């Protein structure tokens, strides 16, 4: 199965960077229901308003924590400070998000993490990672590839989850755009996590040490058998 992005293709690299720094474009599509297309007309404005409700002092505090993470003397401390920054962000933005217990939409989308963070996660849950040279190609089409740690619509490794999961919030009015629809990739107005992307890539700048959580830890079937 071929990966959707070719890391050697400059156009694909630019596309990936645009997604990381600017997020997914919020626009309608004829294949979406009328309800979803109508919501997409206002989702961006709603998300901006909800983001604005968070304490503005939090952003400065998060920046400081990320600076500590980047400069930390060991990889374990880097990840610990990264997660502290992520949890600080979550405490501020979470109360204004549409996310709720039992929603597993974000557990069905790509979750790219560094080897540094995968190792820390593996130590926390007692699992060895699969090294990059043994990774299988990964491609996503819809929501057919749930996270290997999703059990009964809940994260089974919640306390050890990566920073990308800790900071992933839908800032729309409710979970309408997050409801899983086979064959449809509906754009969702997520919270701005560019600070975390920049910090994480500063901590691990080698592209070869980045992969999806499914590649670091294997398929759902493998995760259940360990």
N, C-alpha and C. Protein backbone atom coordinates (compact mmCIF):
# COMPACT_ATOMS: atom_id res chain seq x y z
N UNK A 1 0.86 -1.19 0.00
CA UNK A 1 0.00 0.00 0.00
C UNK A 1 0.89 1.23 0.00
N UNK A 2 0.76 2.11 -0.96
CA UNK A 2 1.64 3.25 -1.13
C UNK A 2 1.21 4.41 -0.23
N UNK A 3 2.20 5.08 0.36
CA UNK A 3 1.92 6.25 1.18
C UNK A 3 1.38 7.37 0.30
N UNK A 4 0.51 8.20 0.85
CA UNK A 4 -0.08 9.29 0.09
C UNK A 4 0.93 10.40 -0.16
N UNK A 5 1.93 10.58 0.72
CA UNK A 5 2.92 11.62 0.56
C UNK A 5 4.28 11.02 0.23
N UNK A 6 4.94 11.59 -0.77
CA UNK A 6 6.28 11.17 -1.13
C UNK A 6 7.26 12.15 -0.50
N UNK A 7 8.05 11.72 0.52
CA UNK A 7 8.93 12.64 1.21
C UNK A 7 10.03 13.22 0.32
N UNK A 8 10.24 12.65 -0.87
CA UNK A 8 11.25 13.17 -1.78
C UNK A 8 10.67 14.16 -2.78
N UNK A 9 9.36 14.33 -2.76
CA UNK A 9 8.69 15.22 -3.70
C UNK A 9 8.52 16.60 -3.07
N UNK A 10 9.18 17.65 -3.60
CA UNK A 10 9.07 18.99 -3.01
C UNK A 10 7.63 19.48 -2.88
N UNK A 11 6.78 19.15 -3.86
CA UNK A 11 5.39 19.58 -3.81
C UNK A 11 4.66 18.95 -2.63
N UNK A 12 4.94 17.68 -2.37
CA UNK A 12 4.31 16.99 -1.24
C UNK A 12 4.81 17.53 0.09
N UNK A 13 6.10 17.88 0.14
CA UNK A 13 6.65 18.47 1.35
C UNK A 13 5.97 19.81 1.64
N UNK A 14 5.80 20.63 0.59
CA UNK A 14 5.13 21.92 0.77
C UNK A 14 3.69 21.72 1.24
N UNK A 15 3.02 20.73 0.68
CA UNK A 15 1.64 20.44 1.09
C UNK A 15 1.59 20.06 2.56
N UNK A 16 2.52 19.21 2.99
CA UNK A 16 2.55 18.78 4.38
C UNK A 16 2.81 19.95 5.31
N UNK A 17 3.73 20.84 4.92
CA UNK A 17 4.03 22.01 5.74
C UNK A 17 2.84 22.96 5.82
N UNK A 18 2.13 23.12 4.71
CA UNK A 18 0.95 23.99 4.74
C UNK A 18 -0.10 23.43 5.70
N UNK A 19 -0.25 22.11 5.71
CA UNK A 19 -1.22 21.49 6.60
C UNK A 19 -0.79 21.66 8.05
N UNK A 20 0.50 21.48 8.32
CA UNK A 20 1.00 21.61 9.69
C UNK A 20 0.85 23.03 10.21
N UNK A 21 1.16 24.03 9.38
CA UNK A 21 1.18 25.40 9.86
C UNK A 21 -0.16 26.12 9.68
N UNK A 22 -0.96 25.71 8.71
CA UNK A 22 -2.21 26.41 8.47
C UNK A 22 -3.46 25.60 8.73
N UNK A 23 -3.29 24.32 8.98
CA UNK A 23 -4.44 23.48 9.26
C UNK A 23 -5.18 23.08 7.98
N UNK A 24 -6.32 22.45 8.16
CA UNK A 24 -7.13 22.00 7.03
C UNK A 24 -8.08 23.10 6.63
N UNK A 25 -8.22 23.32 5.33
CA UNK A 25 -9.15 24.35 4.86
C UNK A 25 -10.58 23.95 5.21
N UNK A 26 -11.34 24.92 5.70
CA UNK A 26 -12.72 24.69 6.08
C UNK A 26 -13.62 25.13 4.92
N UNK A 27 -14.11 24.19 4.17
CA UNK A 27 -15.00 24.50 3.05
C UNK A 27 -15.93 23.32 2.79
N UNK A 28 -17.03 23.60 2.10
CA UNK A 28 -18.01 22.57 1.84
C UNK A 28 -17.65 21.66 0.68
N UNK A 29 -18.49 20.64 0.48
CA UNK A 29 -18.26 19.69 -0.59
C UNK A 29 -19.62 19.09 -0.96
N UNK A 30 -19.90 18.93 -2.24
CA UNK A 30 -21.19 18.38 -2.66
C UNK A 30 -21.51 17.02 -2.06
N UNK A 31 -20.49 16.24 -1.71
CA UNK A 31 -20.74 14.91 -1.16
C UNK A 31 -21.13 14.95 0.31
N UNK A 32 -20.94 16.11 0.97
CA UNK A 32 -21.33 16.24 2.37
C UNK A 32 -22.83 16.50 2.47
N UNK A 33 -23.41 16.20 3.61
CA UNK A 33 -24.83 16.48 3.82
C UNK A 33 -25.06 17.99 3.89
N UNK A 34 -26.31 18.40 3.67
CA UNK A 34 -26.64 19.83 3.75
C UNK A 34 -26.34 20.38 5.14
N UNK A 35 -26.56 19.56 6.16
CA UNK A 35 -26.30 20.00 7.53
C UNK A 35 -24.82 20.32 7.73
N UNK A 36 -23.95 19.45 7.21
CA UNK A 36 -22.51 19.67 7.37
C UNK A 36 -22.06 20.87 6.55
N UNK A 37 -22.52 20.99 5.31
CA UNK A 37 -22.12 22.13 4.49
C UNK A 37 -22.57 23.45 5.09
N UNK A 38 -23.75 23.45 5.69
CA UNK A 38 -24.22 24.67 6.34
C UNK A 38 -23.36 25.02 7.54
N UNK A 39 -22.97 24.01 8.29
CA UNK A 39 -22.13 24.25 9.46
C UNK A 39 -20.74 24.78 9.06
N UNK A 40 -20.22 24.25 7.97
CA UNK A 40 -18.88 24.65 7.54
C UNK A 40 -18.81 26.13 7.17
N UNK A 41 -19.95 26.74 6.90
CA UNK A 41 -19.97 28.17 6.59
C UNK A 41 -19.61 29.02 7.80
N UNK A 42 -19.87 28.50 9.00
CA UNK A 42 -19.65 29.28 10.22
C UNK A 42 -18.62 28.66 11.15
N UNK A 43 -18.14 27.46 10.85
CA UNK A 43 -17.24 26.75 11.76
C UNK A 43 -15.97 27.52 12.06
N UNK A 44 -15.40 28.17 11.05
CA UNK A 44 -14.17 28.92 11.26
C UNK A 44 -14.36 30.06 12.24
N UNK A 45 -15.44 30.80 12.09
CA UNK A 45 -15.71 31.93 12.98
C UNK A 45 -16.00 31.44 14.40
N UNK A 46 -16.73 30.34 14.51
CA UNK A 46 -17.02 29.78 15.83
C UNK A 46 -15.74 29.36 16.53
N UNK A 47 -14.86 28.70 15.78
CA UNK A 47 -13.59 28.24 16.36
C UNK A 47 -12.74 29.42 16.83
N UNK A 48 -12.72 30.47 16.03
CA UNK A 48 -11.93 31.64 16.41
C UNK A 48 -12.47 32.27 17.69
N UNK A 49 -13.80 32.33 17.79
CA UNK A 49 -14.42 32.90 18.98
C UNK A 49 -14.13 32.04 20.21
N UNK A 50 -14.23 30.72 20.07
CA UNK A 50 -13.97 29.83 21.20
C UNK A 50 -12.50 29.87 21.63
N UNK A 51 -11.60 29.97 20.66
CA UNK A 51 -10.17 30.08 20.99
C UNK A 51 -9.91 31.36 21.76
N UNK A 52 -10.64 32.41 21.41
CA UNK A 52 -10.47 33.69 22.08
C UNK A 52 -10.97 33.71 23.51
N UNK A 53 -11.73 32.72 23.90
CA UNK A 53 -12.26 32.65 25.26
C UNK A 53 -11.25 32.10 26.26
N UNK A 54 -10.19 31.50 25.75
CA UNK A 54 -9.15 30.97 26.64
C UNK A 54 -8.34 32.12 27.22
N UNK A 55 -7.78 31.90 28.40
CA UNK A 55 -6.98 32.92 29.07
C UNK A 55 -5.78 33.27 28.19
N UNK A 56 -5.63 34.54 27.77
CA UNK A 56 -4.52 34.91 26.89
C UNK A 56 -3.15 34.71 27.52
N UNK A 57 -3.09 34.69 28.86
CA UNK A 57 -1.80 34.48 29.53
C UNK A 57 -1.28 33.07 29.31
N UNK A 58 -2.17 32.15 28.96
CA UNK A 58 -1.76 30.76 28.77
C UNK A 58 -0.77 30.61 27.63
N UNK A 59 -0.98 31.37 26.55
CA UNK A 59 -0.10 31.26 25.39
C UNK A 59 1.34 31.58 25.77
N UNK A 60 1.55 32.62 26.57
CA UNK A 60 2.90 32.98 26.99
C UNK A 60 3.49 31.88 27.88
N UNK A 61 2.67 31.33 28.77
CA UNK A 61 3.14 30.26 29.65
C UNK A 61 3.52 29.03 28.85
N UNK A 62 2.73 28.71 27.85
CA UNK A 62 3.03 27.56 26.99
C UNK A 62 4.35 27.78 26.24
N UNK A 63 4.56 28.99 25.74
CA UNK A 63 5.81 29.29 25.05
C UNK A 63 7.02 29.06 25.95
N UNK A 64 6.88 29.48 27.20
CA UNK A 64 7.98 29.30 28.14
C UNK A 64 8.25 27.82 28.40
N UNK A 65 7.19 27.05 28.57
CA UNK A 65 7.35 25.62 28.82
C UNK A 65 7.97 24.92 27.61
N UNK A 66 7.58 25.33 26.41
CA UNK A 66 8.15 24.73 25.21
C UNK A 66 9.63 25.09 25.07
N UNK A 67 9.98 26.30 25.48
CA UNK A 67 11.38 26.70 25.45
C UNK A 67 12.21 25.83 26.39
N UNK A 68 11.65 25.53 27.57
CA UNK A 68 12.32 24.65 28.52
C UNK A 68 12.46 23.25 27.92
N UNK A 69 11.40 22.79 27.23
CA UNK A 69 11.43 21.46 26.62
C UNK A 69 12.55 21.35 25.59
N UNK A 70 12.67 22.35 24.74
CA UNK A 70 13.68 22.33 23.68
C UNK A 70 15.09 22.30 24.28
N UNK A 71 15.29 23.02 25.39
CA UNK A 71 16.62 23.15 25.98
C UNK A 71 16.92 22.09 27.04
N UNK A 72 15.95 21.24 27.35
CA UNK A 72 16.14 20.23 28.40
C UNK A 72 17.34 19.33 28.07
N UNK A 73 18.08 18.89 29.10
CA UNK A 73 19.34 18.17 28.88
C UNK A 73 19.19 16.72 28.42
N UNK A 74 18.03 16.10 28.66
CA UNK A 74 17.84 14.71 28.25
C UNK A 74 16.56 14.58 27.44
N UNK A 75 16.48 13.52 26.65
CA UNK A 75 15.28 13.29 25.84
C UNK A 75 14.05 13.07 26.72
N UNK A 76 14.23 12.36 27.82
CA UNK A 76 13.10 12.10 28.72
C UNK A 76 12.55 13.42 29.27
N UNK A 77 13.44 14.33 29.63
CA UNK A 77 13.00 15.62 30.16
C UNK A 77 12.38 16.48 29.07
N UNK A 78 12.90 16.38 27.86
CA UNK A 78 12.31 17.12 26.74
C UNK A 78 10.84 16.74 26.57
N UNK A 79 10.58 15.42 26.57
CA UNK A 79 9.21 14.94 26.39
C UNK A 79 8.34 15.32 27.59
N UNK A 80 8.89 15.23 28.79
CA UNK A 80 8.12 15.58 29.99
C UNK A 80 7.68 17.04 29.95
N UNK A 81 8.58 17.93 29.56
CA UNK A 81 8.23 19.35 29.48
C UNK A 81 7.29 19.62 28.30
N UNK A 82 7.47 18.89 27.21
CA UNK A 82 6.56 19.02 26.07
C UNK A 82 5.14 18.66 26.50
N UNK A 83 5.00 17.57 27.25
CA UNK A 83 3.68 17.15 27.72
C UNK A 83 3.10 18.12 28.74
N UNK A 84 3.97 18.73 29.55
CA UNK A 84 3.49 19.73 30.52
C UNK A 84 2.93 20.94 29.77
N UNK A 85 3.62 21.35 28.71
CA UNK A 85 3.12 22.46 27.89
C UNK A 85 1.80 22.09 27.23
N UNK A 86 1.72 20.85 26.73
CA UNK A 86 0.49 20.39 26.07
C UNK A 86 -0.68 20.36 27.05
N UNK A 87 -0.44 19.90 28.26
CA UNK A 87 -1.51 19.83 29.26
C UNK A 87 -1.94 21.22 29.71
N UNK A 88 -1.00 22.16 29.72
CA UNK A 88 -1.34 23.55 30.06
C UNK A 88 -2.25 24.14 28.99
N UNK A 89 -1.90 23.87 27.74
CA UNK A 89 -2.74 24.31 26.62
C UNK A 89 -4.13 23.67 26.71
N UNK A 90 -4.16 22.38 27.00
CA UNK A 90 -5.43 21.65 27.07
C UNK A 90 -6.32 22.19 28.18
N UNK A 91 -5.74 22.54 29.32
CA UNK A 91 -6.52 23.05 30.45
C UNK A 91 -7.19 24.36 30.10
N UNK A 92 -6.55 25.14 29.23
CA UNK A 92 -7.09 26.44 28.86
C UNK A 92 -8.12 26.34 27.73
N UNK A 93 -7.85 25.49 26.76
CA UNK A 93 -8.70 25.43 25.57
C UNK A 93 -9.81 24.38 25.69
N UNK A 94 -9.56 23.32 26.47
CA UNK A 94 -10.51 22.22 26.57
C UNK A 94 -11.92 22.62 26.97
N UNK A 95 -12.08 23.51 27.97
CA UNK A 95 -13.45 23.89 28.39
C UNK A 95 -14.25 24.58 27.30
N UNK A 96 -13.59 25.06 26.26
CA UNK A 96 -14.28 25.79 25.19
C UNK A 96 -14.37 24.96 23.90
N UNK A 97 -14.02 23.68 24.00
CA UNK A 97 -14.03 22.80 22.83
C UNK A 97 -15.28 21.93 22.81
N UNK A 98 -15.53 21.34 21.64
CA UNK A 98 -16.69 20.46 21.48
C UNK A 98 -16.37 19.02 21.89
N UNK A 99 -15.12 18.75 22.24
CA UNK A 99 -14.69 17.39 22.58
C UNK A 99 -15.36 16.90 23.87
N UNK A 100 -15.65 15.60 23.91
CA UNK A 100 -16.28 15.03 25.09
C UNK A 100 -15.85 13.58 25.25
N UNK A 101 -16.02 13.06 26.43
CA UNK A 101 -15.63 11.68 26.74
C UNK A 101 -16.35 10.70 25.83
N UNK A 102 -15.60 9.78 25.22
CA UNK A 102 -16.21 8.77 24.36
C UNK A 102 -16.17 9.10 22.89
N UNK A 103 -15.82 10.35 22.53
CA UNK A 103 -15.69 10.71 21.12
C UNK A 103 -14.33 10.22 20.63
N UNK A 104 -14.30 9.50 19.53
CA UNK A 104 -13.05 8.89 19.07
C UNK A 104 -12.65 9.32 17.66
N UNK A 105 -13.21 10.44 17.19
CA UNK A 105 -12.88 10.91 15.85
C UNK A 105 -11.38 11.07 15.67
N UNK A 106 -10.73 11.77 16.61
CA UNK A 106 -9.30 12.05 16.46
C UNK A 106 -8.44 10.80 16.60
N UNK A 107 -9.04 9.70 17.04
CA UNK A 107 -8.31 8.43 17.14
C UNK A 107 -8.34 7.68 15.81
N UNK A 108 -8.94 8.28 14.79
CA UNK A 108 -9.02 7.65 13.47
C UNK A 108 -8.26 8.46 12.42
N UNK A 109 -7.58 9.52 12.83
CA UNK A 109 -6.84 10.34 11.88
C UNK A 109 -5.34 10.11 12.07
N UNK A 110 -4.50 10.52 11.11
CA UNK A 110 -3.06 10.33 11.25
C UNK A 110 -2.52 10.99 12.52
N UNK A 111 -1.60 10.31 13.20
CA UNK A 111 -0.98 10.82 14.43
C UNK A 111 0.53 10.68 14.28
N UNK A 112 1.17 11.71 13.77
CA UNK A 112 2.61 11.68 13.55
C UNK A 112 3.35 12.09 14.83
N UNK A 113 4.27 11.24 15.28
CA UNK A 113 5.08 11.55 16.45
C UNK A 113 6.53 11.19 16.16
N UNK A 114 7.44 11.79 16.92
CA UNK A 114 8.87 11.53 16.72
C UNK A 114 9.29 10.25 17.43
N UNK A 115 10.44 9.76 17.03
CA UNK A 115 10.99 8.58 17.70
C UNK A 115 11.24 8.89 19.17
N UNK A 116 11.68 10.12 19.44
CA UNK A 116 11.95 10.55 20.81
C UNK A 116 10.70 10.39 21.67
N UNK A 117 9.55 10.84 21.16
CA UNK A 117 8.32 10.73 21.94
C UNK A 117 7.78 9.31 21.94
N UNK A 118 7.97 8.58 20.85
CA UNK A 118 7.53 7.18 20.79
C UNK A 118 8.27 6.35 21.84
N UNK A 119 9.58 6.60 22.00
CA UNK A 119 10.35 5.88 22.99
C UNK A 119 9.85 6.16 24.41
N UNK A 120 9.56 7.44 24.68
CA UNK A 120 9.05 7.82 26.00
C UNK A 120 7.70 7.16 26.25
N UNK A 121 6.86 7.13 25.23
CA UNK A 121 5.56 6.50 25.36
C UNK A 121 5.72 4.99 25.59
N UNK A 122 6.63 4.37 24.83
CA UNK A 122 6.87 2.95 24.97
C UNK A 122 7.33 2.58 26.38
N UNK A 123 8.23 3.39 26.94
CA UNK A 123 8.69 3.13 28.30
C UNK A 123 7.55 3.23 29.31
N UNK A 124 6.67 4.21 29.10
CA UNK A 124 5.57 4.43 30.03
C UNK A 124 4.55 3.29 30.02
N UNK A 125 4.38 2.64 28.87
CA UNK A 125 3.37 1.58 28.76
C UNK A 125 3.98 0.18 28.70
N UNK A 126 5.31 0.10 28.79
CA UNK A 126 5.97 -1.21 28.76
C UNK A 126 5.98 -1.84 27.39
N UNK A 127 6.14 -1.05 26.34
CA UNK A 127 6.15 -1.56 24.98
C UNK A 127 7.41 -1.14 24.25
N UNK A 128 7.94 -1.98 23.39
CA UNK A 128 9.05 -1.61 22.53
C UNK A 128 8.50 -1.00 21.25
N UNK A 129 9.23 -0.06 20.69
CA UNK A 129 8.79 0.53 19.43
C UNK A 129 9.31 -0.29 18.26
N UNK A 130 8.69 -0.11 17.10
CA UNK A 130 9.19 -0.69 15.85
C UNK A 130 10.10 0.35 15.22
N UNK A 131 11.35 0.03 15.01
CA UNK A 131 12.31 1.00 14.48
C UNK A 131 11.95 1.38 13.04
N UNK A 132 12.31 2.61 12.61
CA UNK A 132 11.90 3.11 11.29
C UNK A 132 12.20 2.20 10.12
N UNK A 133 13.33 1.49 10.17
CA UNK A 133 13.68 0.63 9.03
C UNK A 133 12.71 -0.53 8.85
N UNK A 134 11.89 -0.80 9.85
CA UNK A 134 10.91 -1.88 9.76
C UNK A 134 9.47 -1.38 9.61
N UNK A 135 9.31 -0.06 9.44
CA UNK A 135 7.96 0.48 9.30
C UNK A 135 7.33 0.07 7.97
N UNK A 136 6.06 -0.22 8.02
CA UNK A 136 5.30 -0.49 6.80
C UNK A 136 4.74 0.83 6.27
N UNK A 137 4.61 0.98 4.94
CA UNK A 137 4.01 2.20 4.39
C UNK A 137 2.61 2.40 4.95
N UNK A 138 2.23 3.65 5.12
CA UNK A 138 0.94 3.96 5.72
C UNK A 138 0.18 4.92 4.82
N UNK A 139 -1.09 4.64 4.59
CA UNK A 139 -1.94 5.53 3.80
C UNK A 139 -3.30 5.58 4.45
N UNK A 140 -3.93 6.76 4.39
CA UNK A 140 -5.25 6.93 4.98
C UNK A 140 -6.26 7.31 3.91
N UNK A 141 -7.37 6.62 3.97
CA UNK A 141 -8.51 6.96 3.11
C UNK A 141 -9.75 6.84 3.96
N UNK A 142 -10.19 7.97 4.48
CA UNK A 142 -11.34 7.93 5.38
C UNK A 142 -10.90 7.59 6.79
N UNK A 143 -11.70 6.80 7.49
CA UNK A 143 -11.44 6.52 8.90
C UNK A 143 -11.29 5.02 9.16
N UNK A 144 -10.59 4.34 8.23
CA UNK A 144 -10.53 2.89 8.34
C UNK A 144 -9.35 2.41 9.18
N UNK A 145 -8.53 3.32 9.72
CA UNK A 145 -7.34 2.90 10.45
C UNK A 145 -7.31 3.51 11.85
N UNK A 146 -8.07 2.95 12.80
CA UNK A 146 -8.07 3.51 14.15
C UNK A 146 -6.73 3.34 14.83
N UNK A 147 -6.45 4.18 15.81
CA UNK A 147 -5.23 4.07 16.61
C UNK A 147 -5.19 2.69 17.27
N UNK A 148 -4.03 2.06 17.34
CA UNK A 148 -3.95 0.73 17.96
C UNK A 148 -4.28 0.73 19.45
N UNK A 149 -4.31 1.92 20.05
CA UNK A 149 -4.61 1.99 21.48
C UNK A 149 -6.05 2.43 21.78
N UNK A 150 -6.88 2.49 20.73
CA UNK A 150 -8.30 2.82 20.92
C UNK A 150 -9.05 1.56 21.33
N UNK A 151 -9.64 1.57 22.51
CA UNK A 151 -10.39 0.42 23.02
C UNK A 151 -11.75 0.91 23.51
N UNK A 152 -12.82 0.38 22.90
CA UNK A 152 -14.18 0.78 23.28
C UNK A 152 -14.35 2.30 23.23
N UNK A 153 -13.84 2.90 22.16
CA UNK A 153 -13.95 4.34 21.93
C UNK A 153 -13.25 5.19 22.97
N UNK A 154 -12.28 4.60 23.65
CA UNK A 154 -11.49 5.35 24.63
C UNK A 154 -10.01 5.02 24.48
N UNK A 155 -9.16 5.98 24.83
CA UNK A 155 -7.72 5.78 24.76
C UNK A 155 -7.28 4.90 25.91
N UNK A 156 -6.65 3.77 25.60
CA UNK A 156 -6.23 2.84 26.63
C UNK A 156 -4.88 3.22 27.24
N UNK A 157 -4.23 4.24 26.67
CA UNK A 157 -2.93 4.70 27.21
C UNK A 157 -3.00 6.21 27.44
N UNK A 158 -4.13 6.65 27.95
CA UNK A 158 -4.43 8.09 28.04
C UNK A 158 -3.33 8.88 28.74
N UNK A 159 -2.83 8.42 29.86
CA UNK A 159 -1.82 9.17 30.61
C UNK A 159 -0.48 9.25 29.90
N UNK A 160 -0.27 8.35 28.93
CA UNK A 160 1.00 8.33 28.20
C UNK A 160 0.84 8.82 26.76
N UNK A 161 -0.33 9.30 26.40
CA UNK A 161 -0.59 9.70 25.02
C UNK A 161 0.33 10.83 24.57
N UNK A 162 0.60 10.92 23.27
CA UNK A 162 1.53 11.93 22.74
C UNK A 162 0.98 13.35 22.86
N UNK A 163 1.87 14.33 22.69
CA UNK A 163 1.48 15.74 22.77
C UNK A 163 0.44 16.09 21.71
N UNK A 164 0.55 15.48 20.51
CA UNK A 164 -0.39 15.80 19.45
C UNK A 164 -1.82 15.42 19.86
N UNK A 165 -1.96 14.36 20.64
CA UNK A 165 -3.29 13.96 21.12
C UNK A 165 -3.75 14.87 22.26
N UNK A 166 -2.82 15.31 23.08
CA UNK A 166 -3.16 16.17 24.22
C UNK A 166 -3.64 17.56 23.78
N UNK A 167 -3.23 17.98 22.58
CA UNK A 167 -3.54 19.34 22.12
C UNK A 167 -4.58 19.37 21.01
N UNK A 168 -5.18 18.24 20.70
CA UNK A 168 -6.09 18.12 19.56
C UNK A 168 -7.53 18.41 20.00
N UNK A 169 -8.06 19.59 19.65
CA UNK A 169 -9.40 19.98 20.07
C UNK A 169 -10.21 20.53 18.91
N UNK A 170 -11.47 20.12 18.85
CA UNK A 170 -12.43 20.66 17.90
C UNK A 170 -13.07 21.89 18.55
N UNK A 171 -12.88 23.07 17.95
CA UNK A 171 -13.38 24.30 18.55
C UNK A 171 -14.71 24.75 17.95
N UNK A 172 -15.42 23.83 17.32
CA UNK A 172 -16.76 24.16 16.81
C UNK A 172 -17.76 24.12 17.96
N UNK A 173 -19.02 24.40 17.65
CA UNK A 173 -20.07 24.47 18.67
C UNK A 173 -20.40 23.10 19.26
N UNK A 174 -20.27 22.04 18.46
CA UNK A 174 -20.54 20.68 18.93
C UNK A 174 -19.75 19.70 18.09
N UNK A 175 -20.05 18.41 18.22
CA UNK A 175 -19.23 17.39 17.54
C UNK A 175 -19.74 17.00 16.16
N UNK A 176 -20.62 17.78 15.56
CA UNK A 176 -21.19 17.43 14.25
C UNK A 176 -20.11 17.08 13.23
N UNK A 177 -19.09 17.90 13.10
CA UNK A 177 -18.07 17.69 12.07
C UNK A 177 -17.13 16.54 12.42
N UNK A 178 -17.20 16.06 13.65
CA UNK A 178 -16.33 14.95 14.09
C UNK A 178 -17.01 13.59 14.00
N UNK A 179 -18.27 13.56 13.61
CA UNK A 179 -18.97 12.27 13.54
C UNK A 179 -18.44 11.49 12.35
N UNK A 180 -17.96 10.28 12.61
CA UNK A 180 -17.31 9.49 11.57
C UNK A 180 -18.29 9.09 10.48
N UNK A 181 -17.95 9.48 9.25
CA UNK A 181 -18.78 9.14 8.10
C UNK A 181 -17.91 8.41 7.08
N UNK A 182 -18.17 7.12 6.83
CA UNK A 182 -17.34 6.36 5.89
C UNK A 182 -17.24 7.04 4.53
N UNK A 183 -16.01 7.14 4.04
CA UNK A 183 -15.79 7.71 2.72
C UNK A 183 -15.76 9.22 2.68
N UNK A 184 -15.92 9.88 3.82
CA UNK A 184 -15.93 11.34 3.85
C UNK A 184 -14.91 11.86 4.85
N UNK A 185 -14.05 12.75 4.39
CA UNK A 185 -13.05 13.37 5.25
C UNK A 185 -13.48 14.81 5.49
N UNK A 186 -14.31 15.01 6.49
CA UNK A 186 -14.89 16.32 6.76
C UNK A 186 -13.86 17.19 7.49
N UNK A 187 -13.61 18.42 7.02
CA UNK A 187 -12.66 19.30 7.72
C UNK A 187 -13.23 19.74 9.07
N UNK A 188 -12.35 19.83 10.07
CA UNK A 188 -12.75 20.18 11.42
C UNK A 188 -11.91 21.38 11.87
N UNK A 189 -12.52 22.39 12.51
CA UNK A 189 -11.77 23.56 12.98
C UNK A 189 -11.02 23.27 14.27
N UNK A 190 -9.83 22.70 14.14
CA UNK A 190 -9.04 22.33 15.31
C UNK A 190 -8.35 23.55 15.92
N UNK A 191 -7.94 23.41 17.17
CA UNK A 191 -7.18 24.47 17.83
C UNK A 191 -5.80 24.60 17.18
N UNK A 192 -5.24 25.79 17.27
CA UNK A 192 -3.95 26.09 16.65
C UNK A 192 -2.82 25.46 17.47
N UNK A 193 -2.11 24.52 16.89
CA UNK A 193 -1.03 23.84 17.61
C UNK A 193 0.33 24.05 16.95
N UNK A 194 0.46 25.13 16.20
CA UNK A 194 1.72 25.36 15.50
C UNK A 194 2.91 25.49 16.44
N UNK A 195 2.71 26.07 17.61
CA UNK A 195 3.80 26.18 18.57
C UNK A 195 4.37 24.80 18.92
N UNK A 196 3.46 23.84 19.06
CA UNK A 196 3.89 22.49 19.42
C UNK A 196 4.58 21.80 18.25
N UNK A 197 4.11 22.06 17.04
CA UNK A 197 4.75 21.49 15.85
C UNK A 197 6.18 22.01 15.74
N UNK A 198 6.35 23.32 15.89
CA UNK A 198 7.68 23.90 15.78
C UNK A 198 8.61 23.39 16.88
N UNK A 199 8.09 23.29 18.10
CA UNK A 199 8.91 22.81 19.22
C UNK A 199 9.30 21.36 19.02
N UNK A 200 8.35 20.53 18.61
CA UNK A 200 8.61 19.11 18.43
C UNK A 200 9.63 18.86 17.33
N UNK A 201 9.55 19.63 16.24
CA UNK A 201 10.51 19.45 15.15
C UNK A 201 11.88 20.02 15.53
N UNK A 202 11.92 21.00 16.42
CA UNK A 202 13.19 21.50 16.94
C UNK A 202 13.85 20.43 17.81
N UNK A 203 13.03 19.71 18.58
CA UNK A 203 13.53 18.64 19.44
C UNK A 203 14.01 17.44 18.63
N UNK A 204 13.35 17.16 17.51
CA UNK A 204 13.72 16.04 16.64
C UNK A 204 13.64 16.51 15.19
N UNK A 205 14.74 17.09 14.67
CA UNK A 205 14.71 17.66 13.32
C UNK A 205 14.87 16.65 12.19
N UNK A 206 15.24 15.41 12.50
CA UNK A 206 15.47 14.41 11.46
C UNK A 206 14.14 13.84 10.96
N UNK A 207 13.75 14.09 9.70
CA UNK A 207 12.48 13.58 9.18
C UNK A 207 12.38 12.06 9.24
N UNK A 208 13.53 11.38 9.20
CA UNK A 208 13.52 9.92 9.26
C UNK A 208 13.12 9.37 10.60
N UNK A 209 13.09 10.22 11.61
CA UNK A 209 12.69 9.80 12.95
C UNK A 209 11.27 10.24 13.29
N UNK A 210 10.47 10.48 12.25
CA UNK A 210 9.05 10.81 12.43
C UNK A 210 8.21 9.76 11.71
N UNK A 211 7.13 9.32 12.36
CA UNK A 211 6.23 8.34 11.75
C UNK A 211 4.90 8.36 12.50
N UNK A 212 3.94 7.67 11.94
CA UNK A 212 2.63 7.59 12.59
C UNK A 212 2.68 6.65 13.78
N UNK A 213 1.84 6.89 14.77
CA UNK A 213 1.81 6.05 15.97
C UNK A 213 1.56 4.58 15.61
N UNK A 214 0.84 4.33 14.52
CA UNK A 214 0.56 2.97 14.07
C UNK A 214 1.82 2.28 13.55
N UNK A 215 2.74 3.09 13.03
CA UNK A 215 3.99 2.52 12.54
C UNK A 215 4.97 2.24 13.69
N UNK A 216 4.96 3.10 14.69
CA UNK A 216 5.83 2.87 15.85
C UNK A 216 5.39 1.67 16.68
N UNK A 217 4.06 1.45 16.75
CA UNK A 217 3.56 0.41 17.65
C UNK A 217 2.76 -0.69 16.97
N UNK A 218 2.54 -0.59 15.67
CA UNK A 218 1.90 -1.67 14.94
C UNK A 218 0.40 -1.51 14.81
N UNK A 219 -0.23 -2.50 14.21
CA UNK A 219 -1.67 -2.51 13.95
C UNK A 219 -2.45 -2.77 15.22
N UNK A 220 -3.76 -2.50 15.20
CA UNK A 220 -4.60 -2.82 16.36
C UNK A 220 -4.47 -4.28 16.79
N UNK A 221 -4.39 -5.19 15.82
CA UNK A 221 -4.31 -6.62 16.15
C UNK A 221 -3.01 -6.91 16.90
N UNK A 222 -1.92 -6.30 16.47
CA UNK A 222 -0.65 -6.52 17.13
C UNK A 222 -0.67 -5.94 18.54
N UNK A 223 -1.26 -4.71 18.67
CA UNK A 223 -1.31 -4.08 19.99
C UNK A 223 -2.08 -4.93 20.99
N UNK A 224 -3.15 -5.55 20.53
CA UNK A 224 -3.98 -6.37 21.43
C UNK A 224 -3.25 -7.65 21.84
N UNK A 225 -2.34 -8.13 20.99
CA UNK A 225 -1.68 -9.40 21.28
C UNK A 225 -0.48 -9.26 22.20
N UNK A 226 -0.05 -8.01 22.40
CA UNK A 226 1.14 -7.81 23.23
C UNK A 226 0.79 -7.71 24.70
